[in-house]
């Protein structure tokens, strides 16, 4: 099903996909385990470009208490506490939403910010400062030097063009390798290895953008593709089958603009936001504790399905499986 609504910036009407999402996570144990408090960030954010129609969260064993809150970034967070032990913890979040994707041509940047460098407006700077601060040490200025390669030293540098070139460079020059282990490489490690996952790429680009004095944030969410989704639907997308990660950069006139260096996507086509944060550790989809017999943890299974309604007859996701 496609919904027709007027699109951004008064441009021509554009089909708006009606999406189905299902995100399941299962923890398995050989002996019954006790579960501590779990923090869940799996509910898509609501905004002018994505409207949540239905959402459900199912947890087995059933929590003794489940409460919702909004964190400092406006993300929806569910806090679950448990009273009984179990050999399996299963968490399933389903959602149905309308998505209005934006492309590169949709963005309007204020005249003073179209050429780099520029200075944010005085009324915006106090709220952007923490998103400009560097989060990782760079004693030898490796990230700085890499970021500066996208700045034209002999003539004017187009701001959006600079960020687009950086996004495409990560996609083309680095090797995407799924990694099942927890954690994220430092930006310097990603730069040195020339490979990583979507979360590694996101953190590299965030630090590079901040090295240039611009505000950037980490985004966690879902990735989808369809036959009508333009450029992103014409090629295989990396990072499917799991949660995905990308970057937001604040550009005066358009606000927070999405850049996905894993797939070289500029804008929100194919990207569903769930959580936005200053640092990756503030946007972990599921976190919590357990206690039980040593060595009883058998593993974790994660699956994400994201597809456009009526684009296919079964529930086969339109994105490839993988671990981002």
C-alpha atoms as a PDB file:
ATOM      1  CA  UNK A   1       0.000   0.000   0.000  1.00  0.00           C
ATOM      2  CA  UNK A   2       1.257   3.483  -0.872  1.00  0.00           C
ATOM      3  CA  UNK A   3      -0.090   6.669   0.686  1.00  0.00           C
ATOM      4  CA  UNK A   4      -0.015   9.896  -1.314  1.00  0.00           C
ATOM      5  CA  UNK A   5       0.657  13.077   0.659  1.00  0.00           C
ATOM      6  CA  UNK A   6       2.275  16.353  -0.244  1.00  0.00           C
ATOM      7  CA  UNK A   7       6.034  16.091   0.209  1.00  0.00           C
ATOM      8  CA  UNK A   8       8.744  18.244   1.738  1.00  0.00           C
ATOM      9  CA  UNK A   9       9.625  21.701   0.411  1.00  0.00           C
ATOM     10  CA  UNK A  10       6.516  21.848  -1.785  1.00  0.00           C
ATOM     11  CA  UNK A  11       7.932  19.488  -4.399  1.00  0.00           C
ATOM     12  CA  UNK A  12       5.844  17.021  -6.421  1.00  0.00           C
ATOM     13  CA  UNK A  13       3.675  14.455  -4.661  1.00  0.00           C
ATOM     14  CA  UNK A  14       5.638  11.377  -3.719  1.00  0.00           C
ATOM     15  CA  UNK A  15       4.431   7.911  -2.710  1.00  0.00           C
ATOM     16  CA  UNK A  16       4.807   7.246   1.011  1.00  0.00           C
ATOM     17  CA  UNK A  17       5.473   3.591   1.843  1.00  0.00           C
ATOM     18  CA  UNK A  18       3.358   1.917   4.500  1.00  0.00           C
ATOM     19  CA  UNK A  19       5.844  -0.259   6.380  1.00  0.00           C
ATOM     20  CA  UNK A  20       5.714  -3.317   8.600  1.00  0.00           C
ATOM     21  CA  UNK A  21       8.566  -3.829  11.069  1.00  0.00           C
ATOM     22  CA  UNK A  22       9.317  -6.751  13.369  1.00  0.00           C
ATOM     23  CA  UNK A  23      12.368  -6.862  15.633  1.00  0.00           C
ATOM     24  CA  UNK A  24      12.925  -9.999  17.730  1.00  0.00           C
ATOM     25  CA  UNK A  25      15.708 -10.720  20.214  1.00  0.00           C
ATOM     26  CA  UNK A  26      16.059 -14.018  22.080  1.00  0.00           C
ATOM     27  CA  UNK A  27      18.551 -14.814  24.853  1.00  0.00           C
ATOM     28  CA  UNK A  28      19.066 -18.532  25.598  1.00  0.00           C
ATOM     29  CA  UNK A  29      20.380 -20.201  28.780  1.00  0.00           C
ATOM     30  CA  UNK A  30      21.089 -23.826  29.735  1.00  0.00           C
ATOM     31  CA  UNK A  31      19.826 -23.220  33.288  1.00  0.00           C
ATOM     32  CA  UNK A  32      17.077 -20.883  34.539  1.00  0.00           C
ATOM     33  CA  UNK A  33      18.441 -17.358  34.894  1.00  0.00           C
ATOM     34  CA  UNK A  34      17.306 -14.313  36.856  1.00  0.00           C
ATOM     35  CA  UNK A  35      16.882 -11.096  34.875  1.00  0.00           C
ATOM     36  CA  UNK A  36      17.712  -7.647  36.117  1.00  0.00           C
ATOM     37  CA  UNK A  37      16.241  -4.425  34.778  1.00  0.00           C
ATOM     38  CA  UNK A  38      16.228  -4.219  30.983  1.00  0.00           C
ATOM     39  CA  UNK A  39      16.195  -1.000  28.968  1.00  0.00           C
ATOM     40  CA  UNK A  40      14.580  -1.268  25.511  1.00  0.00           C
ATOM     41  CA  UNK A  41      14.896   1.287  22.707  1.00  0.00           C
ATOM     42  CA  UNK A  42      13.008  -0.368  19.850  1.00  0.00           C
ATOM     43  CA  UNK A  43       9.970   1.870  19.248  1.00  0.00           C
ATOM     44  CA  UNK A  44      10.359   4.038  16.088  1.00  0.00           C
ATOM     45  CA  UNK A  45      10.444   7.775  16.702  1.00  0.00           C
ATOM     46  CA  UNK A  46       7.496   9.827  15.493  1.00  0.00           C
ATOM     47  CA  UNK A  47       8.184  12.907  13.382  1.00  0.00           C
ATOM     48  CA  UNK A  48       6.971  14.799  10.318  1.00  0.00           C
ATOM     49  CA  UNK A  49       8.594  12.186   8.057  1.00  0.00           C
ATOM     50  CA  UNK A  50       7.561   9.003   9.865  1.00  0.00           C
ATOM     51  CA  UNK A  51       4.194   8.463  11.502  1.00  0.00           C
ATOM     52  CA  UNK A  52       3.635   5.492  13.785  1.00  0.00           C
ATOM     53  CA  UNK A  53       0.266   3.805  13.236  1.00  0.00           C
ATOM     54  CA  UNK A  54       0.594   0.735  15.464  1.00  0.00           C
ATOM     55  CA  UNK A  55       3.203  -0.560  17.874  1.00  0.00           C
ATOM     56  CA  UNK A  56       3.332  -3.534  20.232  1.00  0.00           C
ATOM     57  CA  UNK A  57       5.964  -4.905  22.588  1.00  0.00           C
ATOM     58  CA  UNK A  58       5.804  -8.555  23.700  1.00  0.00           C
ATOM     59  CA  UNK A  59       8.176  -9.981  26.320  1.00  0.00           C
ATOM     60  CA  UNK A  60       8.393 -13.598  27.524  1.00  0.00           C
ATOM     61  CA  UNK A  61       8.626 -14.190  30.455  1.00  0.00           C
ATOM     62  CA  UNK A  62       6.194 -11.393  31.164  1.00  0.00           C
ATOM     63  CA  UNK A  63       7.788  -8.559  33.172  1.00  0.00           C
ATOM     64  CA  UNK A  64       6.532  -7.866  36.661  1.00  0.00           C
ATOM     65  CA  UNK A  65       6.577  -4.198  35.654  1.00  0.00           C
ATOM     66  CA  UNK A  66       6.867  -2.405  32.322  1.00  0.00           C
ATOM     67  CA  UNK A  67       7.014   1.378  32.189  1.00  0.00           C
ATOM     68  CA  UNK A  68       7.755   3.890  29.444  1.00  0.00           C
ATOM     69  CA  UNK A  69       9.728   7.118  29.488  1.00  0.00           C
ATOM     70  CA  UNK A  70      11.315   9.634  27.144  1.00  0.00           C
ATOM     71  CA  UNK A  71      15.041  10.149  27.555  1.00  0.00           C
ATOM     72  CA  UNK A  72      16.937  13.424  27.249  1.00  0.00           C
ATOM     73  CA  UNK A  73      16.949  13.092  23.429  1.00  0.00           C
ATOM     74  CA  UNK A  74      13.211  12.380  23.167  1.00  0.00           C
ATOM     75  CA  UNK A  75      13.646   8.659  22.465  1.00  0.00           C
ATOM     76  CA  UNK A  76      10.952   6.262  23.694  1.00  0.00           C
ATOM     77  CA  UNK A  77      12.429   3.866  26.251  1.00  0.00           C
ATOM     78  CA  UNK A  78      10.721   0.884  27.906  1.00  0.00           C
ATOM     79  CA  UNK A  79      12.011  -0.250  31.307  1.00  0.00           C
ATOM     80  CA  UNK A  80      11.219  -3.892  32.129  1.00  0.00           C
ATOM     81  CA  UNK A  81      11.733  -5.606  35.488  1.00  0.00           C
ATOM     82  CA  UNK A  82      11.271  -9.339  36.149  1.00  0.00           C
ATOM     83  CA  UNK A  83      10.215 -11.456  39.107  1.00  0.00           C
ATOM     84  CA  UNK A  84      10.806 -15.006  37.859  1.00  0.00           C
ATOM     85  CA  UNK A  85      13.613 -17.049  36.385  1.00  0.00           C
ATOM     86  CA  UNK A  86      13.597 -18.603  32.912  1.00  0.00           C
ATOM     87  CA  UNK A  87      15.839 -20.379  30.408  1.00  0.00           C
ATOM     88  CA  UNK A  88      14.805 -17.993  27.655  1.00  0.00           C
ATOM     89  CA  UNK A  89      14.143 -14.266  27.375  1.00  0.00           C
ATOM     90  CA  UNK A  90      12.256 -13.335  24.209  1.00  0.00           C
ATOM     91  CA  UNK A  91      11.595  -9.714  23.222  1.00  0.00           C
ATOM     92  CA  UNK A  92       9.515  -8.869  20.156  1.00  0.00           C
ATOM     93  CA  UNK A  93       8.602  -5.399  18.940  1.00  0.00           C
ATOM     94  CA  UNK A  94       6.236  -4.927  15.999  1.00  0.00           C
ATOM     95  CA  UNK A  95       5.320  -1.658  14.338  1.00  0.00           C
ATOM     96  CA  UNK A  96       3.384  -0.321  11.394  1.00  0.00           C
ATOM     97  CA  UNK A  97       4.156   3.155  10.133  1.00  0.00           C
ATOM     98  CA  UNK A  98       3.997   5.565   7.230  1.00  0.00           C
ATOM     99  CA  UNK A  99       7.368   6.819   6.052  1.00  0.00           C
ATOM    100  CA  UNK A 100       8.006   9.927   3.948  1.00  0.00           C
ATOM    101  CA  UNK A 101      11.548   9.569   2.621  1.00  0.00           C
ATOM    102  CA  UNK A 102      13.649  12.651   1.850  1.00  0.00           C
ATOM    103  CA  UNK A 103      16.369  12.840  -0.767  1.00  0.00           C
ATOM    104  CA  UNK A 104      19.322  15.111  -1.424  1.00  0.00           C
ATOM    105  CA  UNK A 105      17.202  17.450  -3.569  1.00  0.00           C
ATOM    106  CA  UNK A 106      14.842  18.102  -0.639  1.00  0.00           C
ATOM    107  CA  UNK A 107      17.349  19.977   1.482  1.00  0.00           C
ATOM    108  CA  UNK A 108      17.492  23.745   1.813  1.00  0.00           C
ATOM    109  CA  UNK A 109      20.516  25.259   3.504  1.00  0.00           C
ATOM    110  CA  UNK A 110      20.682  28.854   4.681  1.00  0.00           C
ATOM    111  CA  UNK A 111      22.873  31.065   2.496  1.00  0.00           C
ATOM    112  CA  UNK A 112      25.472  31.631   5.222  1.00  0.00           C
ATOM    113  CA  UNK A 113      25.949  27.878   5.717  1.00  0.00           C
ATOM    114  CA  UNK A 114      26.126  26.722   2.114  1.00  0.00           C
ATOM    115  CA  UNK A 115      29.895  27.203   1.994  1.00  0.00           C
ATOM    116  CA  UNK A 116      32.236  25.704   4.587  1.00  0.00           C
ATOM    117  CA  UNK A 117      33.462  26.936   7.030  1.00  0.00           C
ATOM    118  CA  UNK A 118      30.566  28.711   8.708  1.00  0.00           C
ATOM    119  CA  UNK A 119      29.438  29.456  12.249  1.00  0.00           C
ATOM    120  CA  UNK A 120      26.153  28.286  13.726  1.00  0.00           C
ATOM    121  CA  UNK A 121      23.722  30.983  14.823  1.00  0.00           C
ATOM    122  CA  UNK A 122      24.232  32.271  18.372  1.00  0.00           C
ATOM    123  CA  UNK A 123      20.788  31.069  19.475  1.00  0.00           C
ATOM    124  CA  UNK A 124      21.515  27.511  18.263  1.00  0.00           C
ATOM    125  CA  UNK A 125      25.110  27.130  19.405  1.00  0.00           C
ATOM    126  CA  UNK A 126      24.432  26.482  23.146  1.00  0.00           C
ATOM    127  CA  UNK A 127      22.240  23.472  22.291  1.00  0.00           C
ATOM    128  CA  UNK A 128      24.644  22.139  19.656  1.00  0.00           C
ATOM    129  CA  UNK A 129      27.881  22.360  21.636  1.00  0.00           C
ATOM    130  CA  UNK A 130      27.743  18.855  23.147  1.00  0.00           C
ATOM    131  CA  UNK A 131      27.154  17.412  19.664  1.00  0.00           C
ATOM    132  CA  UNK A 132      30.245  19.225  18.381  1.00  0.00           C
ATOM    133  CA  UNK A 133      32.526  18.014  21.186  1.00  0.00           C
ATOM    134  CA  UNK A 134      34.888  15.193  20.221  1.00  0.00           C
ATOM    135  CA  UNK A 135      34.273  11.881  22.043  1.00  0.00           C
ATOM    136  CA  UNK A 136      37.493  10.040  21.134  1.00  0.00           C
ATOM    137  CA  UNK A 137      41.143  10.962  21.610  1.00  0.00           C
ATOM    138  CA  UNK A 138      43.045  11.764  18.445  1.00  0.00           C
ATOM    139  CA  UNK A 139      46.557  12.705  19.660  1.00  0.00           C
ATOM    140  CA  UNK A 140      48.153  12.478  16.216  1.00  0.00           C
ATOM    141  CA  UNK A 141      45.243  14.247  14.478  1.00  0.00           C
ATOM    142  CA  UNK A 142      44.583  11.257  12.232  1.00  0.00           C
ATOM    143  CA  UNK A 143      40.837  11.852  12.101  1.00  0.00           C
ATOM    144  CA  UNK A 144      41.405  15.593  11.614  1.00  0.00           C
ATOM    145  CA  UNK A 145      43.708  14.995   8.663  1.00  0.00           C
ATOM    146  CA  UNK A 146      41.328  12.486   7.086  1.00  0.00           C
ATOM    147  CA  UNK A 147      38.398  14.877   7.448  1.00  0.00           C
ATOM    148  CA  UNK A 148      40.359  17.773   5.940  1.00  0.00           C
ATOM    149  CA  UNK A 149      40.813  15.885   2.682  1.00  0.00           C
ATOM    150  CA  UNK A 150      37.194  16.748   1.875  1.00  0.00           C
ATOM    151  CA  UNK A 151      37.791  20.488   2.272  1.00  0.00           C
ATOM    152  CA  UNK A 152      38.769  22.337  -0.908  1.00  0.00           C
ATOM    153  CA  UNK A 153      41.905  24.272  -0.033  1.00  0.00           C
ATOM    154  CA  UNK A 154      42.037  26.319  -3.240  1.00  0.00           C
ATOM    155  CA  UNK A 155      38.415  27.451  -3.558  1.00  0.00           C
ATOM    156  CA  UNK A 156      35.054  27.493  -1.818  1.00  0.00           C
ATOM    157  CA  UNK A 157      33.915  24.227  -0.246  1.00  0.00           C
ATOM    158  CA  UNK A 158      30.249  23.377  -0.703  1.00  0.00           C
ATOM    159  CA  UNK A 159      28.994  22.215   2.723  1.00  0.00           C
ATOM    160  CA  UNK A 160      26.521  19.611   1.524  1.00  0.00           C
ATOM    161  CA  UNK A 161      28.923  18.448  -1.185  1.00  0.00           C
ATOM    162  CA  UNK A 162      31.686  17.987   1.396  1.00  0.00           C
ATOM    163  CA  UNK A 163      29.470  15.816   3.613  1.00  0.00           C
ATOM    164  CA  UNK A 164      28.206  13.862   0.596  1.00  0.00           C
ATOM    165  CA  UNK A 165      31.770  13.171  -0.545  1.00  0.00           C
ATOM    166  CA  UNK A 166      32.690  11.963   2.943  1.00  0.00           C
ATOM    167  CA  UNK A 167      29.687   9.624   3.010  1.00  0.00           C
ATOM    168  CA  UNK A 168      30.543   8.150  -0.384  1.00  0.00           C
ATOM    169  CA  UNK A 169      34.241   7.831   0.492  1.00  0.00           C
ATOM    170  CA  UNK A 170      33.501   5.621   3.511  1.00  0.00           C
ATOM    171  CA  UNK A 171      31.210   3.466   1.392  1.00  0.00           C
ATOM    172  CA  UNK A 172      33.730   3.058  -1.436  1.00  0.00           C
ATOM    173  CA  UNK A 173      37.067   2.990   0.407  1.00  0.00           C
ATOM    174  CA  UNK A 174      36.221   0.823   3.426  1.00  0.00           C
ATOM    175  CA  UNK A 175      35.247  -2.842   3.548  1.00  0.00           C
ATOM    176  CA  UNK A 176      31.961  -3.660   5.267  1.00  0.00           C
ATOM    177  CA  UNK A 177      32.377  -6.712   7.507  1.00  0.00           C
ATOM    178  CA  UNK A 178      29.574  -7.952   9.777  1.00  0.00           C
ATOM    179  CA  UNK A 179      30.769  -8.465  13.336  1.00  0.00           C
ATOM    180  CA  UNK A 180      28.823 -10.464  15.927  1.00  0.00           C
ATOM    181  CA  UNK A 181      30.880  -9.329  18.885  1.00  0.00           C
ATOM    182  CA  UNK A 182      29.566  -6.501  21.016  1.00  0.00           C
ATOM    183  CA  UNK A 183      31.244  -3.129  21.062  1.00  0.00           C
ATOM    184  CA  UNK A 184      32.426  -0.586  18.539  1.00  0.00           C
ATOM    185  CA  UNK A 185      35.834   0.136  17.091  1.00  0.00           C
ATOM    186  CA  UNK A 186      37.296   3.524  17.808  1.00  0.00           C
ATOM    187  CA  UNK A 187      37.341   5.847  14.776  1.00  0.00           C
ATOM    188  CA  UNK A 188      41.138   5.542  14.633  1.00  0.00           C
ATOM    189  CA  UNK A 189      40.875   1.743  14.567  1.00  0.00           C
ATOM    190  CA  UNK A 190      38.345   1.888  11.735  1.00  0.00           C
ATOM    191  CA  UNK A 191      40.575   4.287   9.819  1.00  0.00           C
ATOM    192  CA  UNK A 192      43.636   2.053  10.318  1.00  0.00           C
ATOM    193  CA  UNK A 193      41.880  -1.234   9.497  1.00  0.00           C
ATOM    194  CA  UNK A 194      39.894   0.106   6.558  1.00  0.00           C
ATOM    195  CA  UNK A 195      36.947  -2.067   7.529  1.00  0.00           C
ATOM    196  CA  UNK A 196      34.090  -2.218   9.983  1.00  0.00           C
ATOM    197  CA  UNK A 197      30.349  -2.418  10.575  1.00  0.00           C
ATOM    198  CA  UNK A 198      27.672   0.224  10.234  1.00  0.00           C
ATOM    199  CA  UNK A 199      28.186   1.393  13.819  1.00  0.00           C
ATOM    200  CA  UNK A 200      31.955   1.699  13.230  1.00  0.00           C
ATOM    201  CA  UNK A 201      31.357   3.741  10.092  1.00  0.00           C
ATOM    202  CA  UNK A 202      28.866   5.972  11.889  1.00  0.00           C
ATOM    203  CA  UNK A 203      31.297   6.745  14.706  1.00  0.00           C
ATOM    204  CA  UNK A 204      34.120   7.460  12.233  1.00  0.00           C
ATOM    205  CA  UNK A 205      31.977   9.928  10.301  1.00  0.00           C
ATOM    206  CA  UNK A 206      30.643  11.564  13.477  1.00  0.00           C
ATOM    207  CA  UNK A 207      34.167  12.213  14.736  1.00  0.00           C
ATOM    208  CA  UNK A 208      35.285  13.469  11.311  1.00  0.00           C
ATOM    209  CA  UNK A 209      32.331  15.859  11.081  1.00  0.00           C
ATOM    210  CA  UNK A 210      32.990  17.115  14.612  1.00  0.00           C
ATOM    211  CA  UNK A 211      36.657  17.603  13.709  1.00  0.00           C
ATOM    212  CA  UNK A 212      35.376  20.088  11.118  1.00  0.00           C
ATOM    213  CA  UNK A 213      33.394  21.932  13.790  1.00  0.00           C
ATOM    214  CA  UNK A 214      29.935  20.680  12.821  1.00  0.00           C
ATOM    215  CA  UNK A 215      27.319  19.108  15.097  1.00  0.00           C
ATOM    216  CA  UNK A 216      26.721  15.384  14.574  1.00  0.00           C
ATOM    217  CA  UNK A 217      24.712  12.669  16.323  1.00  0.00           C
ATOM    218  CA  UNK A 218      24.437   8.891  16.242  1.00  0.00           C
ATOM    219  CA  UNK A 219      21.238   7.286  14.911  1.00  0.00           C
ATOM    220  CA  UNK A 220      20.041   3.736  15.530  1.00  0.00           C
ATOM    221  CA  UNK A 221      17.150   2.304  13.565  1.00  0.00           C
ATOM    222  CA  UNK A 222      16.085   0.036  10.750  1.00  0.00           C
ATOM    223  CA  UNK A 223      16.876  -0.267   7.071  1.00  0.00           C
ATOM    224  CA  UNK A 224      14.416  -1.200   4.339  1.00  0.00           C
ATOM    225  CA  UNK A 225      14.283  -1.323   0.564  1.00  0.00           C
ATOM    226  CA  UNK A 226      11.532  -1.647  -2.015  1.00  0.00           C
ATOM    227  CA  UNK A 227      11.130  -1.649  -5.769  1.00  0.00           C
ATOM    228  CA  UNK A 228       9.892   1.945  -5.660  1.00  0.00           C
ATOM    229  CA  UNK A 229      12.510   3.352  -3.315  1.00  0.00           C
ATOM    230  CA  UNK A 230      14.693   4.910  -5.964  1.00  0.00           C
ATOM    231  CA  UNK A 231      18.489   4.634  -5.828  1.00  0.00           C
ATOM    232  CA  UNK A 232      18.578   2.757  -2.527  1.00  0.00           C
ATOM    233  CA  UNK A 233      16.206   0.147  -3.893  1.00  0.00           C
ATOM    234  CA  UNK A 234      18.301  -0.519  -6.975  1.00  0.00           C
ATOM    235  CA  UNK A 235      21.214  -2.129  -5.152  1.00  0.00           C
ATOM    236  CA  UNK A 236      21.857  -4.430  -2.228  1.00  0.00           C
ATOM    237  CA  UNK A 237      21.864  -2.569   1.064  1.00  0.00           C
ATOM    238  CA  UNK A 238      24.381  -3.452   3.770  1.00  0.00           C
ATOM    239  CA  UNK A 239      23.258  -3.769   7.371  1.00  0.00           C
ATOM    240  CA  UNK A 240      19.949  -5.572   6.898  1.00  0.00           C
ATOM    241  CA  UNK A 241      18.625  -8.279   9.170  1.00  0.00           C
ATOM    242  CA  UNK A 242      19.592  -6.347  12.280  1.00  0.00           C
ATOM    243  CA  UNK A 243      19.408  -2.856  13.693  1.00  0.00           C
ATOM    244  CA  UNK A 244      21.237  -0.286  11.578  1.00  0.00           C
ATOM    245  CA  UNK A 245      23.292   2.806  12.411  1.00  0.00           C
ATOM    246  CA  UNK A 246      23.993   6.081  10.640  1.00  0.00           C
ATOM    247  CA  UNK A 247      24.696   9.792  11.252  1.00  0.00           C
ATOM    248  CA  UNK A 248      22.805  13.072  11.593  1.00  0.00           C
ATOM    249  CA  UNK A 249      24.497  16.414  10.911  1.00  0.00           C
ATOM    250  CA  UNK A 250      22.921  19.755  11.802  1.00  0.00           C
ATOM    251  CA  UNK A 251      22.688  22.063   8.773  1.00  0.00           C
ATOM    252  CA  UNK A 252      21.002  25.462   9.227  1.00  0.00           C
ATOM    253  CA  UNK A 253      17.855  25.648   7.120  1.00  0.00           C
ATOM    254  CA  UNK A 254      17.225  21.898   7.053  1.00  0.00           C
ATOM    255  CA  UNK A 255      18.049  20.984  10.640  1.00  0.00           C
ATOM    256  CA  UNK A 256      19.266  17.437  11.295  1.00  0.00           C
ATOM    257  CA  UNK A 257      20.107  15.737   7.996  1.00  0.00           C
ATOM    258  CA  UNK A 258      20.755  11.967   7.714  1.00  0.00           C
ATOM    259  CA  UNK A 259      23.918  10.475   6.191  1.00  0.00           C
ATOM    260  CA  UNK A 260      24.377   6.692   5.978  1.00  0.00           C
ATOM    261  CA  UNK A 261      28.043   5.994   5.146  1.00  0.00           C
ATOM    262  CA  UNK A 262      27.435   2.229   5.031  1.00  0.00           C
ATOM    263  CA  UNK A 263      25.162   2.539   1.988  1.00  0.00           C
ATOM    264  CA  UNK A 264      26.039   6.050   0.761  1.00  0.00           C
ATOM    265  CA  UNK A 265      22.483   7.246   1.428  1.00  0.00           C
ATOM    266  CA  UNK A 266      21.919  10.986   1.830  1.00  0.00           C
ATOM    267  CA  UNK A 267      18.526  11.662   3.380  1.00  0.00           C
ATOM    268  CA  UNK A 268      16.053   9.223   4.898  1.00  0.00           C
ATOM    269  CA  UNK A 269      15.209   6.989   1.941  1.00  0.00           C
ATOM    270  CA  UNK A 270      15.214   3.457   3.337  1.00  0.00           C
ATOM    271  CA  UNK A 271      16.033   4.583   6.899  1.00  0.00           C
ATOM    272  CA  UNK A 272      13.669   4.369   9.894  1.00  0.00           C
ATOM    273  CA  UNK A 273      14.835   6.220  13.012  1.00  0.00           C
ATOM    274  CA  UNK A 274      14.416   4.587  16.419  1.00  0.00           C
ATOM    275  CA  UNK A 275      16.929   6.376  18.639  1.00  0.00           C
ATOM    276  CA  UNK A 276      19.059   9.505  18.300  1.00  0.00           C
ATOM    277  CA  UNK A 277      21.887  10.240  20.732  1.00  0.00           C
ATOM    278  CA  UNK A 278      25.132  12.110  21.147  1.00  0.00           C
ATOM    279  CA  UNK A 279      27.087   8.868  21.594  1.00  0.00           C
ATOM    280  CA  UNK A 280      26.501   5.270  20.506  1.00  0.00           C
ATOM    281  CA  UNK A 281      26.273   4.016  24.096  1.00  0.00           C
ATOM    282  CA  UNK A 282      23.201   6.198  24.657  1.00  0.00           C
ATOM    283  CA  UNK A 283      21.311   4.424  21.864  1.00  0.00           C
ATOM    284  CA  UNK A 284      21.759   0.703  22.592  1.00  0.00           C
ATOM    285  CA  UNK A 285      18.561  -1.087  21.401  1.00  0.00           C
ATOM    286  CA  UNK A 286      18.429  -3.584  24.288  1.00  0.00           C
ATOM    287  CA  UNK A 287      20.534  -3.589  27.441  1.00  0.00           C
ATOM    288  CA  UNK A 288      20.161  -5.343  30.786  1.00  0.00           C
ATOM    289  CA  UNK A 289      21.645  -7.825  33.223  1.00  0.00           C
ATOM    290  CA  UNK A 290      21.159 -11.461  34.176  1.00  0.00           C
ATOM    291  CA  UNK A 291      22.480 -13.778  36.872  1.00  0.00           C
ATOM    292  CA  UNK A 292      22.720 -17.546  37.028  1.00  0.00           C
ATOM    293  CA  UNK A 293      25.107 -20.485  36.773  1.00  0.00           C
ATOM    294  CA  UNK A 294      28.493 -19.584  35.234  1.00  0.00           C
ATOM    295  CA  UNK A 295      28.647 -20.531  31.573  1.00  0.00           C
ATOM    296  CA  UNK A 296      24.904 -21.079  31.241  1.00  0.00           C
ATOM    297  CA  UNK A 297      24.473 -18.348  28.616  1.00  0.00           C
ATOM    298  CA  UNK A 298      24.079 -20.150  25.268  1.00  0.00           C
ATOM    299  CA  UNK A 299      23.724 -17.225  22.912  1.00  0.00           C
ATOM    300  CA  UNK A 300      21.575 -14.475  21.486  1.00  0.00           C
ATOM    301  CA  UNK A 301      19.510 -14.486  18.282  1.00  0.00           C
ATOM    302  CA  UNK A 302      18.427 -11.256  16.616  1.00  0.00           C
ATOM    303  CA  UNK A 303      16.216 -10.830  13.557  1.00  0.00           C
ATOM    304  CA  UNK A 304      14.760  -7.732  11.936  1.00  0.00           C
ATOM    305  CA  UNK A 305      12.168  -7.792   9.159  1.00  0.00           C
ATOM    306  CA  UNK A 306      11.242  -4.560   7.432  1.00  0.00           C
ATOM    307  CA  UNK A 307       9.086  -4.466   4.325  1.00  0.00           C
ATOM    308  CA  UNK A 308       6.606  -2.356   2.405  1.00  0.00           C
ATOM    309  CA  UNK A 309       3.012  -3.589   2.648  1.00  0.00           C
ATOM    310  CA  UNK A 310       1.683  -5.151  -0.563  1.00  0.00           C
ATOM    311  CA  UNK A 311       5.174  -5.103  -2.054  1.00  0.00           C
ATOM    312  CA  UNK A 312       5.275  -8.875  -1.631  1.00  0.00           C
ATOM    313  CA  UNK A 313       2.929 -11.641  -0.616  1.00  0.00           C
ATOM    314  CA  UNK A 314       4.902 -13.185   2.245  1.00  0.00           C
ATOM    315  CA  UNK A 315       6.974 -11.955   5.169  1.00  0.00           C
ATOM    316  CA  UNK A 316      10.365 -12.323   3.493  1.00  0.00           C
ATOM    317  CA  UNK A 317      12.273  -9.136   4.287  1.00  0.00           C
ATOM    318  CA  UNK A 318      13.302  -6.963   1.363  1.00  0.00           C
ATOM    319  CA  UNK A 319      16.733  -6.483   2.890  1.00  0.00           C
ATOM    320  CA  UNK A 320      19.442  -9.096   3.178  1.00  0.00           C
ATOM    321  CA  UNK A 321      20.315 -10.802   6.423  1.00  0.00           C
ATOM    322  CA  UNK A 322      23.391  -9.673   8.257  1.00  0.00           C
ATOM    323  CA  UNK A 323      24.879  -8.360  11.468  1.00  0.00           C
ATOM    324  CA  UNK A 324      25.573  -4.643  11.586  1.00  0.00           C
END
